[in-house]
Protein backbone atom coordinates (compact mmCIF):
# COMPACT_ATOMS: atom_id res chain seq x y z
CA MET A 1 -11.03 11.74 -16.37
CA ASP A 2 -9.67 12.78 -19.67
CA MET A 3 -6.60 10.91 -20.33
CA ARG A 4 -4.21 11.61 -22.96
CA ASP A 5 -0.91 9.44 -23.65
CA GLY A 6 2.02 10.86 -25.02
CA PRO A 7 5.50 8.69 -25.72
CA GLU A 8 6.03 8.21 -21.84
CA ARG A 9 3.87 10.18 -20.23
CA MET A 10 0.28 10.24 -19.03
CA PHE A 11 -2.08 13.11 -18.10
CA LEU A 12 -5.09 12.58 -16.37
CA SER A 13 -7.57 15.70 -15.29
CA ALA A 14 -10.39 14.50 -12.64
CA ALA A 15 -13.73 16.26 -12.75
CA THR A 16 -14.24 14.78 -8.87
CA VAL A 17 -11.93 14.24 -5.71
CA ALA A 18 -12.70 10.54 -6.23
CA GLU A 19 -11.06 10.00 -9.48
CA ALA A 20 -8.13 12.00 -8.01
CA VAL A 21 -7.54 9.45 -5.47
CA ALA A 22 -8.15 6.90 -7.73
CA ALA A 23 -5.75 8.01 -9.94
CA ARG A 24 -2.87 9.31 -7.13
CA ARG A 25 -3.94 5.57 -6.00
CA ALA A 26 -2.15 3.87 -9.24
CA GLY A 27 0.73 6.57 -8.63
CA ALA A 28 -0.36 9.51 -10.71
CA ALA A 29 1.51 12.82 -9.38
CA VAL A 30 -0.66 15.53 -8.15
CA LEU A 31 -0.89 18.47 -10.68
CA ALA A 32 -2.49 22.32 -9.33
CA GLY A 33 -0.20 25.29 -9.40
CA GLY A 34 3.17 23.09 -10.79
CA THR A 35 5.27 25.55 -9.60
CA TRP A 36 7.32 22.96 -7.70
CA THR A 37 7.09 20.01 -9.88
CA MET A 38 8.52 22.10 -12.91
CA ARG A 39 11.43 22.94 -10.92
CA ASP A 40 12.04 19.28 -10.25
CA PRO A 41 15.00 18.63 -13.13
CA ARG A 42 16.74 21.64 -11.72
CA ARG A 43 16.60 19.76 -8.19
CA GLY A 44 17.98 16.62 -10.36
CA VAL A 45 14.15 14.72 -9.65
CA SER A 46 12.87 12.90 -12.91
CA LEU A 47 8.99 14.73 -13.89
CA PRO A 48 6.78 12.08 -13.05
CA GLU A 49 5.33 9.48 -15.33
CA SER A 50 2.05 10.10 -14.97
CA VAL A 51 -0.11 13.80 -13.36
CA VAL A 52 -3.26 14.11 -12.05
CA ALA A 53 -4.39 17.80 -12.69
CA LEU A 54 -7.04 19.14 -10.43
CA SER A 55 -8.30 22.14 -11.96
CA ARG A 56 -11.89 21.13 -12.49
CA ILE A 57 -12.47 19.90 -9.19
CA ALA A 58 -14.71 23.31 -8.29
CA GLU A 59 -14.97 22.46 -4.51
CA LEU A 60 -10.83 22.74 -4.04
CA GLN A 61 -10.96 25.79 -5.15
CA ARG A 62 -12.89 27.76 -2.80
CA VAL A 63 -12.50 29.52 0.22
CA GLU A 64 -15.24 29.37 2.75
CA VAL A 65 -15.17 31.67 6.00
CA LEU A 66 -18.10 30.28 8.46
CA ASP A 67 -18.94 31.75 11.59
CA GLY A 68 -16.82 29.03 13.43
CA GLU A 69 -14.01 28.22 11.05
CA ILE A 70 -12.51 28.66 7.54
CA ARG A 71 -12.05 25.43 5.17
CA ILE A 72 -9.76 26.49 2.40
CA GLY A 73 -9.21 23.80 -0.57
CA ALA A 74 -6.32 22.46 -1.72
CA SER A 75 -5.80 24.42 -4.95
CA VAL A 76 -6.52 27.96 -3.58
CA THR A 77 -4.09 29.69 -4.81
CA HIS A 78 -1.73 31.67 -2.49
CA ALA A 79 -3.43 35.62 -4.30
CA ALA A 80 -6.81 34.12 -4.03
CA LEU A 81 -6.16 33.14 -0.57
CA ALA A 82 -4.96 36.67 0.58
CA GLY A 83 -7.89 38.26 -1.33
CA ALA A 84 -10.17 35.85 1.10
CA LEU A 85 -8.69 36.31 4.01
CA SER A 86 -8.02 40.35 3.41
CA GLY A 87 -9.42 42.55 7.18
CA LEU A 88 -10.32 39.04 8.61
CA ALA A 89 -9.47 39.87 12.53
CA GLY A 90 -6.99 36.93 13.32
CA PHE A 91 -5.97 35.77 9.99
CA GLU A 92 -3.43 38.75 9.58
CA GLY A 93 -0.73 36.42 9.61
CA LEU A 94 -1.75 34.07 7.02
CA ALA A 95 -2.80 36.84 4.99
CA ALA A 96 0.61 37.78 4.92
CA ALA A 97 2.39 34.69 4.52
CA ALA A 98 0.29 34.77 1.04
CA THR A 99 0.96 37.80 0.06
CA GLY A 100 4.82 37.33 1.03
CA ALA A 101 5.57 34.33 -0.67
CA ALA A 102 7.44 34.05 -3.61
CA ASN A 103 6.85 36.83 -6.47
CA PRO A 104 3.60 38.25 -7.75
CA ALA A 105 3.92 35.73 -10.75
CA ILE A 106 4.24 32.38 -8.72
CA ARG A 107 1.39 33.53 -6.25
CA ARG A 108 -1.00 33.53 -8.58
CA VAL A 109 -0.88 30.04 -9.62
CA ALA A 110 1.14 28.20 -6.36
CA THR A 111 -1.62 26.24 -4.43
CA VAL A 112 -2.14 25.99 -0.92
CA GLY A 113 -1.99 21.96 -0.97
CA GLY A 114 1.24 22.15 -2.89
CA ASN A 115 3.08 24.67 -0.43
CA LEU A 116 1.63 21.57 2.23
CA CYS A 117 3.12 18.75 0.15
CA ALA A 118 6.18 19.87 -1.18
CA ILE A 119 8.13 17.97 1.18
CA ASP A 120 11.39 18.82 0.32
CA PHE A 121 10.66 22.26 0.48
CA ALA A 122 11.49 23.60 4.14
CA ALA A 123 10.97 27.50 3.38
CA ALA A 124 7.47 27.55 2.34
CA ASP A 125 5.65 30.28 3.51
CA LEU A 126 2.37 28.92 4.36
CA VAL A 127 3.23 26.00 6.22
CA PRO A 128 4.24 28.26 9.71
CA ALA A 129 1.63 30.44 9.76
CA LEU A 130 -0.90 27.50 9.59
CA LEU A 131 1.52 25.61 12.82
CA ALA A 132 0.52 29.06 14.57
CA LEU A 133 -3.03 28.54 13.63
CA ASP A 134 -3.18 25.31 15.07
CA ALA A 135 -4.82 24.12 11.58
CA GLY A 136 -6.60 21.04 10.58
CA ILE A 137 -5.51 18.95 7.70
CA GLU A 138 -8.18 17.46 5.25
CA LEU A 139 -7.51 14.17 2.97
CA ALA A 140 -9.29 11.96 0.88
CA LEU A 141 -8.21 8.26 1.02
CA ALA A 142 -9.87 5.10 -0.98
CA ASP A 143 -11.71 4.17 2.24
CA GLY A 144 -12.83 8.22 3.27
CA PRO A 145 -12.10 11.56 4.45
CA ARG A 146 -9.61 11.92 7.33
CA LEU A 147 -8.91 15.09 9.36
CA LEU A 148 -5.66 15.30 11.48
CA PRO A 149 -3.89 18.13 12.84
CA ILE A 150 -0.83 19.87 10.66
CA SER A 151 1.82 18.96 12.85
CA ASP A 152 0.04 15.04 12.83
CA PHE A 153 0.43 15.98 8.54
CA LEU A 154 3.79 17.59 8.35
CA ARG A 155 5.26 13.98 10.16
CA GLU A 156 3.44 11.23 8.34
CA ARG A 157 2.87 13.16 4.97
CA SER A 158 5.80 11.37 3.23
CA GLU A 159 3.61 7.95 3.96
CA LEU A 160 -0.42 9.76 3.48
CA LEU A 161 0.69 10.96 0.51
CA LYS A 162 1.53 7.73 -1.39
CA THR A 163 -1.95 7.93 -2.03
CA ALA A 164 -3.85 10.00 0.00
CA LEU A 165 -4.74 13.76 -1.78
CA LEU A 166 -4.99 16.45 0.59
CA THR A 167 -8.40 18.49 0.38
CA ARG A 168 -8.57 21.09 2.55
CA VAL A 169 -7.25 23.19 5.27
CA ILE A 170 -9.31 23.97 8.09
CA ILE A 171 -9.02 26.64 11.02
CA ARG A 172 -10.82 27.46 13.99
CA ARG A 173 -12.31 31.03 14.08
CA ASP A 174 -10.72 31.12 17.69
CA VAL A 175 -7.94 33.56 17.11
CA ALA A 176 -7.57 37.25 18.63
CA ALA A 177 -4.47 38.24 16.12
CA SER A 178 -1.66 36.93 14.71
CA ALA A 179 1.62 37.74 12.62
CA HIS A 180 3.94 36.55 9.89
CA VAL A 181 7.46 37.61 9.49
CA ARG A 182 10.24 36.27 7.44
CA LEU A 183 13.89 37.05 6.66
CA PRO A 184 14.63 36.64 2.81
CA LEU A 185 18.31 37.69 1.69
CA ARG A 186 16.89 40.14 -0.98
CA LYS A 187 13.43 40.83 -2.37
CA ALA A 188 13.39 39.51 -5.09
CA GLY A 189 11.87 36.09 -4.59
CA ASP A 190 14.40 34.36 -2.66
CA TYR A 191 13.79 32.11 -0.40
CA PRO A 192 13.39 33.30 3.04
CA VAL A 193 16.10 32.77 5.31
CA ALA A 194 13.93 31.93 8.27
CA ILE A 195 10.30 32.55 9.37
CA VAL A 196 8.64 32.91 12.21
CA SER A 197 4.67 32.94 12.66
CA ILE A 198 2.17 33.78 15.75
CA ALA A 199 -0.94 33.56 16.98
CA GLN A 200 -2.74 34.78 20.20
CA SER A 201 -5.69 32.96 20.27
CA THR A 202 -8.73 34.49 22.09
CA ASP A 203 -7.90 32.45 25.60
CA GLY A 204 -4.78 34.74 25.75
CA ALA A 205 -2.74 31.61 24.73
CA ILE A 206 0.43 32.53 21.88
CA ARG A 207 1.07 30.05 19.78
CA VAL A 208 5.01 30.05 17.79
CA ALA A 209 5.84 28.73 14.94
CA VAL A 210 8.98 28.55 12.79
CA GLY A 211 10.20 27.39 9.19
CA SER A 212 12.82 27.70 6.71
CA VAL A 213 15.43 26.86 10.13
CA GLU A 214 15.07 23.23 9.92
CA PRO A 215 14.27 20.74 7.34
CA VAL A 216 10.89 20.65 8.44
CA ALA A 217 8.56 23.60 10.25
CA ARG A 218 7.71 23.06 13.68
CA ARG A 219 6.55 25.04 16.60
CA TRP A 220 8.20 26.59 19.50
CA SER A 221 6.98 24.50 22.43
CA ALA A 222 9.96 25.72 24.69
CA LEU A 223 9.17 29.15 23.96
CA GLU A 224 5.19 28.96 23.96
CA ALA A 225 5.82 27.48 27.94
CA GLU A 226 8.14 30.91 28.54
CA LEU A 227 5.28 32.72 27.00
CA ALA A 228 2.21 31.70 28.94
CA GLY A 229 0.32 33.57 30.99
CA LYS A 230 2.83 36.50 30.20
CA ALA A 231 2.31 40.11 28.74
CA LEU A 232 5.17 41.19 27.08
CA THR A 233 7.06 43.43 25.39
CA PRO A 234 8.36 42.69 21.73
CA GLU A 235 12.21 43.06 23.18
CA GLU A 236 10.35 40.90 26.31
CA ALA A 237 9.85 38.51 23.96
CA GLN A 238 13.15 38.43 22.01
CA ALA A 239 14.88 37.40 25.07
CA LEU A 240 12.93 34.79 26.02
CA ALA A 241 13.40 33.34 22.63
CA GLU A 242 16.98 33.75 23.12
CA LYS A 243 17.02 31.92 26.26
CA THR A 244 15.06 28.89 24.97
CA ASN A 245 16.43 28.73 21.16
CA ASP A 246 16.74 25.07 20.88
CA PHE A 247 16.68 24.80 16.72
CA ILE A 248 19.23 22.98 14.58
CA GLY A 249 19.81 25.23 11.20
CA ARG A 250 20.08 23.60 8.45
CA ASP A 251 22.92 24.70 6.15
CA GLY A 252 21.45 25.66 2.61
CA ILE A 253 23.45 27.95 -0.48
CA GLU A 254 21.78 30.59 0.52
CA ALA A 255 22.16 30.75 4.44
CA GLU A 256 24.30 28.65 7.02
CA GLY A 257 22.82 26.75 9.42
CA TRP A 258 24.04 28.74 12.12
CA TYR A 259 22.87 32.11 10.77
CA ARG A 260 19.37 31.05 10.35
CA ARG A 261 19.15 30.09 14.19
CA GLU A 262 20.82 33.41 15.19
CA VAL A 263 18.28 35.44 13.40
CA LEU A 264 15.25 33.98 15.10
CA PRO A 265 15.08 35.81 18.46
CA ALA A 266 15.02 38.78 16.83
CA LEU A 267 12.33 37.80 14.14
CA VAL A 268 10.21 37.14 17.80
CA ARG A 269 10.79 40.72 18.40
CA ARG A 270 9.57 41.69 14.70
CA ALA A 271 6.48 39.15 15.34
CA PHE A 272 5.48 40.81 18.66
CA ALA A 273 5.86 43.62 17.43
CA ALA A 274 3.33 43.04 14.40
CA LEU A 275 1.15 41.34 16.53
CA GLN A 276 0.36 44.64 18.99
CA LYS A 277 -0.59 46.63 15.49
CA GLY A 278 -2.43 43.90 14.11
CA GLY A 279 -0.18 41.73 11.93
CA ALA A 280 1.06 44.57 10.17
CA ALA A 281 5.27 43.36 10.09
């Protein structure tokens, strides 16, 4: 592990996951793409006194497409993820989330792990896409690895990430099709007002997840229950979304909470239409 001390801050470059976990337990912040950390001063947050960089850990930069699952390293960039998933049936939604987030410059450096670990970033595109895919999150801790559902990770991440290191995202290959739609105010890299991700399993079950509307992305359980066992048009799905809309929108500088909530049924319609066309919104 390389260490370079400055007058106020320390930089550590870990060669292994174990080294990174040790640094994390000692209080170092994780640096992968750095696109969230570099904005700390603009959010009124002090830069960390010490960081551990993951760029030398090769295993965290791989996407493994296996027969039964896909394993995505935490340091995989959005651009690399989009390339790895291109043309892969069932993962159109996640590919669209990786392709459409932010802007090309950010996508070349922003990582999967960073998107999941930015606790105060409600508009992360990959999070609802991974929720719809019912992904598993692999963490490295001092006493060994731990795998937990993404919904549990999101609920517990403030505590977990005090000492743990997110290493991989694991997704079962039981998805027939998926889609991801977002509503930005402009097309110039704005954070989305609202996001709807949808995935249909090979057994026909449909999962729906919503991001950017509330402080933390979540599954739309009430809508999923209404959709169960039904073959619906996009317009019929929109009607059910209007009926089951139980979201409480968050106010932000780019949109008020009521507006985020109100656009959701239309995004559900678009997501269903994209799902029927193979994921292309």
